[in-house]
Amino acid sequence: MAKILVIEDDPDIATILKDQLELDGYQVETASTAKVGLQKVSSFRPDLIILDLNLPDADGLEVCKHIKDKTDAPIIILTVRDNISDKLIGFESGASDYVTKPFEFLELAARIKVHLKKYRKKAPVVYDFGYIKIDTAKKEVKVNGKPVKLTKREFELLELLASNAGRVLSRDFIKNQIWSDKELYPWSRAIDVHIKRLREKIEPDPKNPKFIITYPGMGYKFETPS
């Protein structure tokens, strides 16, 4: 039975979500403040968190960052904020998905299933390419033996590229694997920005990359040392 934590200060919404999710077979706990929510992340150890951004004691985006320091469980942001900047900040803060109020429970339920499936499929792997070592269990990356700090998205992108080393991955493939359908807009340059930041952190010479190679019109490939 998957465990879901709902951090929501509106008692009516919290009650509805708890009742509906329990009917779907989940074990559910709720929290109406950031403080209690963070405590339950540690004690309840949820498999997924539903997080409202407008909490009475803290900004939800900051709470999202603190949650990601405690767990890799997916976070679905549930909020009335629907502008692009809030969504982008939400994803940079570690959220896996973004649902705006008012919402249809069936859509939320479907997204929950998708994220739980992804979360449970991940098995710890260590990719050792000599100069670069990636530990998916510890979420650690070492470059030339030294730890390198990556954001959640940067790590996910590097892990995706490394797990498909030697294969050119299209932008659409990368988008579908890391960002859900509504998280990136056609004009978004988020993938390019993350590639650039990754190169700056892991490449000996970011301007002349030897690991993350661009194939114009095709996508990106992680090259393994010969």
C-alpha atoms as a PDB file:
ATOM      1  CA  MET A   1       0.000   0.000   0.000  1.00  0.00           C
ATOM      2  CA  ALA A   2       1.566   3.280  -1.129  1.00  0.00           C
ATOM      3  CA  LYS A   3       1.706   6.092   1.415  1.00  0.00           C
ATOM      4  CA  ILE A   4       0.674   9.622   0.465  1.00  0.00           C
ATOM      5  CA  LEU A   5       1.163  12.762   2.527  1.00  0.00           C
ATOM      6  CA  VAL A   6      -1.168  15.695   1.801  1.00  0.00           C
ATOM      7  CA  ILE A   7       0.177  19.059   2.994  1.00  0.00           C
ATOM      8  CA  GLU A   8      -2.819  21.355   2.564  1.00  0.00           C
ATOM      9  CA  ASP A   9      -4.147  24.095   4.847  1.00  0.00           C
ATOM     10  CA  ASP A  10      -7.702  24.060   3.457  1.00  0.00           C
ATOM     11  CA  PRO A  11      -9.480  21.476   5.678  1.00  0.00           C
ATOM     12  CA  ASP A  12     -12.195  20.768   3.104  1.00  0.00           C
ATOM     13  CA  ILE A  13      -9.713  19.993   0.316  1.00  0.00           C
ATOM     14  CA  ALA A  14      -7.527  17.967   2.688  1.00  0.00           C
ATOM     15  CA  THR A  15     -10.508  15.887   3.836  1.00  0.00           C
ATOM     16  CA  ILE A  16     -11.752  15.271   0.300  1.00  0.00           C
ATOM     17  CA  LEU A  17      -8.309  14.211  -0.885  1.00  0.00           C
ATOM     18  CA  LYS A  18      -7.793  11.921   2.103  1.00  0.00           C
ATOM     19  CA  ASP A  19     -11.176  10.247   1.658  1.00  0.00           C
ATOM     20  CA  GLN A  20     -10.819   9.801  -2.105  1.00  0.00           C
ATOM     21  CA  LEU A  21      -7.241   8.538  -1.932  1.00  0.00           C
ATOM     22  CA  GLU A  22      -8.098   6.068   0.827  1.00  0.00           C
ATOM     23  CA  LEU A  23     -10.938   4.764  -1.346  1.00  0.00           C
ATOM     24  CA  ASP A  24      -8.299   4.196  -4.036  1.00  0.00           C
ATOM     25  CA  GLY A  25      -6.345   2.047  -1.599  1.00  0.00           C
ATOM     26  CA  TYR A  26      -3.643   4.458  -0.407  1.00  0.00           C
ATOM     27  CA  GLN A  27      -2.529   5.062   3.166  1.00  0.00           C
ATOM     28  CA  VAL A  28      -2.938   8.807   3.694  1.00  0.00           C
ATOM     29  CA  GLU A  29      -1.880  11.345   6.285  1.00  0.00           C
ATOM     30  CA  THR A  30      -2.486  15.095   6.212  1.00  0.00           C
ATOM     31  CA  ALA A  31      -0.756  18.201   7.540  1.00  0.00           C
ATOM     32  CA  SER A  32      -2.097  21.755   7.558  1.00  0.00           C
ATOM     33  CA  THR A  33       1.241  23.523   8.135  1.00  0.00           C
ATOM     34  CA  ALA A  34       4.754  23.324   6.737  1.00  0.00           C
ATOM     35  CA  LYS A  35       6.173  22.469  10.175  1.00  0.00           C
ATOM     36  CA  VAL A  36       3.915  19.459  10.669  1.00  0.00           C
ATOM     37  CA  GLY A  37       4.311  18.458   7.035  1.00  0.00           C
ATOM     38  CA  LEU A  38       8.103  18.301   7.288  1.00  0.00           C
ATOM     39  CA  GLN A  39       7.850  16.322  10.517  1.00  0.00           C
ATOM     40  CA  LYS A  40       5.586  13.788   8.810  1.00  0.00           C
ATOM     41  CA  VAL A  41       7.921  13.487   5.833  1.00  0.00           C
ATOM     42  CA  SER A  42      10.445  12.073   8.314  1.00  0.00           C
ATOM     43  CA  SER A  43       8.075  10.027  10.485  1.00  0.00           C
ATOM     44  CA  PHE A  44       5.502   8.796   7.934  1.00  0.00           C
ATOM     45  CA  ARG A  45       8.037   8.315   5.097  1.00  0.00           C
ATOM     46  CA  PRO A  46       5.527   8.862   2.271  1.00  0.00           C
ATOM     47  CA  ASP A  47       5.936   7.462  -1.239  1.00  0.00           C
ATOM     48  CA  LEU A  48       4.419  10.666  -2.665  1.00  0.00           C
ATOM     49  CA  ILE A  49       3.632  14.153  -1.356  1.00  0.00           C
ATOM     50  CA  ILE A  50       0.838  16.486  -2.451  1.00  0.00           C
ATOM     51  CA  LEU A  51       1.894  20.009  -1.507  1.00  0.00           C
ATOM     52  CA  ASP A  52      -0.100  23.244  -1.423  1.00  0.00           C
ATOM     53  CA  LEU A  53       2.047  26.339  -1.986  1.00  0.00           C
ATOM     54  CA  ASN A  54      -0.009  28.731   0.147  1.00  0.00           C
ATOM     55  CA  LEU A  55       0.706  27.456   3.640  1.00  0.00           C
ATOM     56  CA  PRO A  56       0.168  29.617   6.754  1.00  0.00           C
ATOM     57  CA  ASP A  57       3.678  29.291   8.168  1.00  0.00           C
ATOM     58  CA  ALA A  58       5.990  29.057   5.129  1.00  0.00           C
ATOM     59  CA  ASP A  59       6.202  29.485   1.385  1.00  0.00           C
ATOM     60  CA  GLY A  60       5.432  26.188  -0.332  1.00  0.00           C
ATOM     61  CA  LEU A  61       8.354  26.498  -2.738  1.00  0.00           C
ATOM     62  CA  GLU A  62      10.812  26.653   0.152  1.00  0.00           C
ATOM     63  CA  VAL A  63       9.022  23.720   1.772  1.00  0.00           C
ATOM     64  CA  CYS A  64       9.433  21.799  -1.481  1.00  0.00           C
ATOM     65  CA  LYS A  65      13.213  22.289  -1.325  1.00  0.00           C
ATOM     66  CA  HIS A  66      13.338  21.107   2.294  1.00  0.00           C
ATOM     67  CA  ILE A  67      11.300  18.016   1.431  1.00  0.00           C
ATOM     68  CA  LYS A  68      13.736  17.094  -1.342  1.00  0.00           C
ATOM     69  CA  ASP A  69      16.550  17.223   1.228  1.00  0.00           C
ATOM     70  CA  LYS A  70      14.715  14.504   3.147  1.00  0.00           C
ATOM     71  CA  THR A  71      13.332  12.219   0.435  1.00  0.00           C
ATOM     72  CA  ASP A  72      13.340  11.396  -3.266  1.00  0.00           C
ATOM     73  CA  ALA A  73       9.591  10.777  -3.205  1.00  0.00           C
ATOM     74  CA  PRO A  74       7.760  12.685  -5.968  1.00  0.00           C
ATOM     75  CA  ILE A  75       6.047  15.949  -5.038  1.00  0.00           C
ATOM     76  CA  ILE A  76       2.872  17.101  -6.774  1.00  0.00           C
ATOM     77  CA  ILE A  77       2.271  20.796  -6.211  1.00  0.00           C
ATOM     78  CA  LEU A  78      -1.405  21.664  -5.822  1.00  0.00           C
ATOM     79  CA  THR A  79      -2.108  25.402  -5.963  1.00  0.00           C
ATOM     80  CA  VAL A  80      -4.102  28.303  -7.383  1.00  0.00           C
ATOM     81  CA  ARG A  81      -0.894  29.823  -8.765  1.00  0.00           C
ATOM     82  CA  ASP A  82      -0.957  29.161 -12.484  1.00  0.00           C
ATOM     83  CA  ASN A  83       1.615  31.489 -14.049  1.00  0.00           C
ATOM     84  CA  ILE A  84       4.616  30.099 -15.896  1.00  0.00           C
ATOM     85  CA  SER A  85       7.218  31.608 -13.559  1.00  0.00           C
ATOM     86  CA  ASP A  86       5.702  29.882 -10.505  1.00  0.00           C
ATOM     87  CA  LYS A  87       5.637  26.577 -12.364  1.00  0.00           C
ATOM     88  CA  LEU A  88       9.263  26.853 -13.446  1.00  0.00           C
ATOM     89  CA  ILE A  89      10.347  27.783  -9.914  1.00  0.00           C
ATOM     90  CA  GLY A  90       8.321  24.843  -8.612  1.00  0.00           C
ATOM     91  CA  PHE A  91      10.135  22.390 -10.865  1.00  0.00           C
ATOM     92  CA  GLU A  92      13.508  23.917  -9.996  1.00  0.00           C
ATOM     93  CA  SER A  93      12.580  23.477  -6.327  1.00  0.00           C
ATOM     94  CA  GLY A  94      12.188  19.741  -6.874  1.00  0.00           C
ATOM     95  CA  ALA A  95       8.522  19.248  -7.744  1.00  0.00           C
ATOM     96  CA  SER A  96       7.637  16.387 -10.075  1.00  0.00           C
ATOM     97  CA  ASP A  97       4.302  17.787 -11.210  1.00  0.00           C
ATOM     98  CA  TYR A  98       2.088  20.857 -10.955  1.00  0.00           C
ATOM     99  CA  VAL A  99      -1.723  20.799 -10.688  1.00  0.00           C
ATOM    100  CA  THR A 100      -3.745  24.006 -10.476  1.00  0.00           C
ATOM    101  CA  LYS A 101      -6.945  24.519  -8.501  1.00  0.00           C
ATOM    102  CA  PRO A 102      -9.736  23.873  -9.210  1.00  0.00           C
ATOM    103  CA  PHE A 103      -8.810  20.376 -10.337  1.00  0.00           C
ATOM    104  CA  GLU A 104     -10.453  17.133 -11.347  1.00  0.00           C
ATOM    105  CA  PHE A 105      -9.676  14.334  -8.899  1.00  0.00           C
ATOM    106  CA  LEU A 106      -9.530  11.731 -11.682  1.00  0.00           C
ATOM    107  CA  GLU A 107      -6.734  13.684 -13.381  1.00  0.00           C
ATOM    108  CA  LEU A 108      -4.836  14.023 -10.102  1.00  0.00           C
ATOM    109  CA  ALA A 109      -5.318  10.300  -9.407  1.00  0.00           C
ATOM    110  CA  ALA A 110      -3.906   9.435 -12.825  1.00  0.00           C
ATOM    111  CA  ARG A 111      -0.845  11.605 -12.234  1.00  0.00           C
ATOM    112  CA  ILE A 112      -0.305  10.022  -8.838  1.00  0.00           C
ATOM    113  CA  LYS A 113      -0.232   6.559 -10.416  1.00  0.00           C
ATOM    114  CA  VAL A 114       2.297   7.659 -13.046  1.00  0.00           C
ATOM    115  CA  HIS A 115       4.668   9.198 -10.512  1.00  0.00           C
ATOM    116  CA  LEU A 116       4.420   6.284  -8.086  1.00  0.00           C
ATOM    117  CA  LYS A 117       5.198   3.876 -10.919  1.00  0.00           C
ATOM    118  CA  LYS A 118       8.288   5.886 -11.895  1.00  0.00           C
ATOM    119  CA  TYR A 119       9.405   6.178  -8.270  1.00  0.00           C
ATOM    120  CA  ARG A 120       9.140   2.448  -7.598  1.00  0.00           C
ATOM    121  CA  LYS A 121      10.859   1.397 -10.831  1.00  0.00           C
ATOM    122  CA  LYS A 122      14.110   3.126  -9.951  1.00  0.00           C
ATOM    123  CA  ALA A 123      16.778   0.673  -8.815  1.00  0.00           C
ATOM    124  CA  PRO A 124      20.099   1.902  -7.389  1.00  0.00           C
ATOM    125  CA  VAL A 125      22.926   1.847  -9.944  1.00  0.00           C
ATOM    126  CA  VAL A 126      26.507   3.099  -9.924  1.00  0.00           C
ATOM    127  CA  TYR A 127      27.811   4.342 -13.264  1.00  0.00           C
ATOM    128  CA  ASP A 128      31.579   4.516 -13.260  1.00  0.00           C
ATOM    129  CA  PHE A 129      33.080   6.200 -16.321  1.00  0.00           C
ATOM    130  CA  GLY A 130      36.440   6.816 -14.721  1.00  0.00           C
ATOM    131  CA  TYR A 131      36.515  10.607 -14.736  1.00  0.00           C
ATOM    132  CA  ILE A 132      32.799  10.702 -13.834  1.00  0.00           C
ATOM    133  CA  LYS A 133      31.103   8.472 -11.260  1.00  0.00           C
ATOM    134  CA  ILE A 134      27.326   8.544 -10.680  1.00  0.00           C
ATOM    135  CA  ASP A 135      25.705   6.858  -7.668  1.00  0.00           C
ATOM    136  CA  THR A 136      21.926   6.837  -8.168  1.00  0.00           C
ATOM    137  CA  ALA A 137      21.204   5.489  -4.672  1.00  0.00           C
ATOM    138  CA  LYS A 138      23.096   8.264  -2.894  1.00  0.00           C
ATOM    139  CA  LYS A 139      22.318  10.845  -5.597  1.00  0.00           C
ATOM    140  CA  GLU A 140      26.022  11.605  -5.732  1.00  0.00           C
ATOM    141  CA  VAL A 141      28.213  12.622  -8.642  1.00  0.00           C
ATOM    142  CA  LYS A 142      31.985  12.710  -8.471  1.00  0.00           C
ATOM    143  CA  VAL A 143      34.126  14.330 -11.142  1.00  0.00           C
ATOM    144  CA  ASN A 144      37.797  13.432 -11.043  1.00  0.00           C
ATOM    145  CA  GLY A 145      37.195  12.053  -7.525  1.00  0.00           C
ATOM    146  CA  LYS A 146      35.611  15.235  -6.182  1.00  0.00           C
ATOM    147  CA  PRO A 147      31.880  15.564  -5.265  1.00  0.00           C
ATOM    148  CA  VAL A 148      29.856  17.838  -7.539  1.00  0.00           C
ATOM    149  CA  LYS A 149      26.546  19.304  -6.404  1.00  0.00           C
ATOM    150  CA  LEU A 150      23.737  19.039  -8.953  1.00  0.00           C
ATOM    151  CA  THR A 151      20.126  20.177  -8.791  1.00  0.00           C
ATOM    152  CA  LYS A 152      17.423  17.499  -8.908  1.00  0.00           C
ATOM    153  CA  ARG A 153      16.746  18.140 -12.608  1.00  0.00           C
ATOM    154  CA  GLU A 154      20.434  18.177 -13.468  1.00  0.00           C
ATOM    155  CA  PHE A 155      20.924  14.839 -11.732  1.00  0.00           C
ATOM    156  CA  GLU A 156      17.888  13.316 -13.460  1.00  0.00           C
ATOM    157  CA  LEU A 157      19.153  14.502 -16.824  1.00  0.00           C
ATOM    158  CA  LEU A 158      22.667  13.185 -16.217  1.00  0.00           C
ATOM    159  CA  GLU A 159      21.281   9.855 -14.986  1.00  0.00           C
ATOM    160  CA  LEU A 160      19.093   9.568 -18.088  1.00  0.00           C
ATOM    161  CA  LEU A 161      21.999  10.319 -20.420  1.00  0.00           C
ATOM    162  CA  ALA A 162      24.369   7.980 -18.564  1.00  0.00           C
ATOM    163  CA  SER A 163      21.859   5.111 -18.496  1.00  0.00           C
ATOM    164  CA  ASN A 164      21.596   5.457 -22.280  1.00  0.00           C
ATOM    165  CA  ALA A 165      25.321   5.986 -22.891  1.00  0.00           C
ATOM    166  CA  GLY A 166      26.238   5.728 -26.561  1.00  0.00           C
ATOM    167  CA  ARG A 167      22.683   6.453 -27.715  1.00  0.00           C
ATOM    168  CA  VAL A 168      21.467   9.752 -29.146  1.00  0.00           C
ATOM    169  CA  LEU A 169      18.444  10.909 -27.151  1.00  0.00           C
ATOM    170  CA  SER A 170      16.013  13.258 -28.862  1.00  0.00           C
ATOM    171  CA  ARG A 171      14.695  16.344 -27.112  1.00  0.00           C
ATOM    172  CA  ASP A 172      11.205  14.809 -27.149  1.00  0.00           C
ATOM    173  CA  PHE A 173      12.486  11.637 -25.478  1.00  0.00           C
ATOM    174  CA  ILE A 174      14.260  13.659 -22.786  1.00  0.00           C
ATOM    175  CA  LYS A 175      11.176  15.808 -22.246  1.00  0.00           C
ATOM    176  CA  ASN A 176       8.865  12.796 -21.900  1.00  0.00           C
ATOM    177  CA  GLN A 177      11.210  11.019 -19.500  1.00  0.00           C
ATOM    178  CA  ILE A 178      11.936  13.917 -17.158  1.00  0.00           C
ATOM    179  CA  TRP A 179       9.215  16.513 -17.645  1.00  0.00           C
ATOM    180  CA  SER A 180       5.525  15.592 -17.787  1.00  0.00           C
ATOM    181  CA  ASP A 181       3.437  16.774 -20.740  1.00  0.00           C
ATOM    182  CA  LYS A 182       2.431  20.119 -19.239  1.00  0.00           C
ATOM    183  CA  GLU A 183       5.738  21.016 -17.624  1.00  0.00           C
ATOM    184  CA  LEU A 184       7.519  22.227 -20.749  1.00  0.00           C
ATOM    185  CA  TYR A 185       6.114  24.504 -23.408  1.00  0.00           C
ATOM    186  CA  PRO A 186       7.132  24.247 -27.090  1.00  0.00           C
ATOM    187  CA  TRP A 187       9.274  27.373 -26.825  1.00  0.00           C
ATOM    188  CA  SER A 188      10.942  26.363 -23.570  1.00  0.00           C
ATOM    189  CA  ARG A 189      14.747  26.187 -23.566  1.00  0.00           C
ATOM    190  CA  ALA A 190      14.850  24.339 -20.237  1.00  0.00           C
ATOM    191  CA  ILE A 191      16.578  21.267 -21.706  1.00  0.00           C
ATOM    192  CA  ASP A 192      19.293  23.399 -23.322  1.00  0.00           C
ATOM    193  CA  VAL A 193      19.809  25.371 -20.107  1.00  0.00           C
ATOM    194  CA  HIS A 194      20.180  22.182 -18.058  1.00  0.00           C
ATOM    195  CA  ILE A 195      22.607  20.695 -20.607  1.00  0.00           C
ATOM    196  CA  LYS A 196      24.703  23.873 -20.434  1.00  0.00           C
ATOM    197  CA  ARG A 197      24.766  23.811 -16.621  1.00  0.00           C
ATOM    198  CA  LEU A 198      25.652  20.118 -16.568  1.00  0.00           C
ATOM    199  CA  ARG A 199      28.569  20.686 -18.906  1.00  0.00           C
ATOM    200  CA  GLU A 200      29.834  23.499 -16.716  1.00  0.00           C
ATOM    201  CA  LYS A 201      29.850  21.142 -13.730  1.00  0.00           C
ATOM    202  CA  ILE A 202      31.168  17.872 -15.187  1.00  0.00           C
ATOM    203  CA  GLU A 203      33.135  18.627 -18.358  1.00  0.00           C
ATOM    204  CA  PRO A 204      36.908  19.307 -18.240  1.00  0.00           C
ATOM    205  CA  ASP A 205      36.275  21.957 -20.916  1.00  0.00           C
ATOM    206  CA  PRO A 206      32.569  22.908 -21.132  1.00  0.00           C
ATOM    207  CA  LYS A 207      33.093  24.732 -24.444  1.00  0.00           C
ATOM    208  CA  ASN A 208      34.522  21.571 -25.994  1.00  0.00           C
ATOM    209  CA  PRO A 209      32.515  18.789 -24.292  1.00  0.00           C
ATOM    210  CA  LYS A 210      33.770  15.218 -24.416  1.00  0.00           C
ATOM    211  CA  PHE A 211      30.939  13.542 -22.497  1.00  0.00           C
ATOM    212  CA  ILE A 212      27.641  15.280 -23.364  1.00  0.00           C
ATOM    213  CA  ILE A 213      27.712  15.691 -27.129  1.00  0.00           C
ATOM    214  CA  THR A 214      25.183  17.642 -29.200  1.00  0.00           C
ATOM    215  CA  TYR A 215      23.931  16.101 -32.424  1.00  0.00           C
ATOM    216  CA  PRO A 216      22.287  19.012 -34.306  1.00  0.00           C
ATOM    217  CA  GLY A 217      18.721  18.252 -35.277  1.00  0.00           C
ATOM    218  CA  MET A 218      18.845  14.927 -33.430  1.00  0.00           C
ATOM    219  CA  GLY A 219      19.539  15.418 -29.732  1.00  0.00           C
ATOM    220  CA  TYR A 220      22.238  14.604 -27.184  1.00  0.00           C
ATOM    221  CA  LYS A 221      24.468  11.611 -26.476  1.00  0.00           C
ATOM    222  CA  PHE A 222      26.573  10.663 -23.475  1.00  0.00           C
ATOM    223  CA  GLU A 223      29.904   9.458 -24.796  1.00  0.00           C
ATOM    224  CA  THR A 224      31.827   6.894 -22.769  1.00  0.00           C
ATOM    225  CA  PRO A 225      35.622   7.126 -22.579  1.00  0.00           C
ATOM    226  CA  SER A 226      37.332   5.035 -25.247  1.00  0.00           C
END
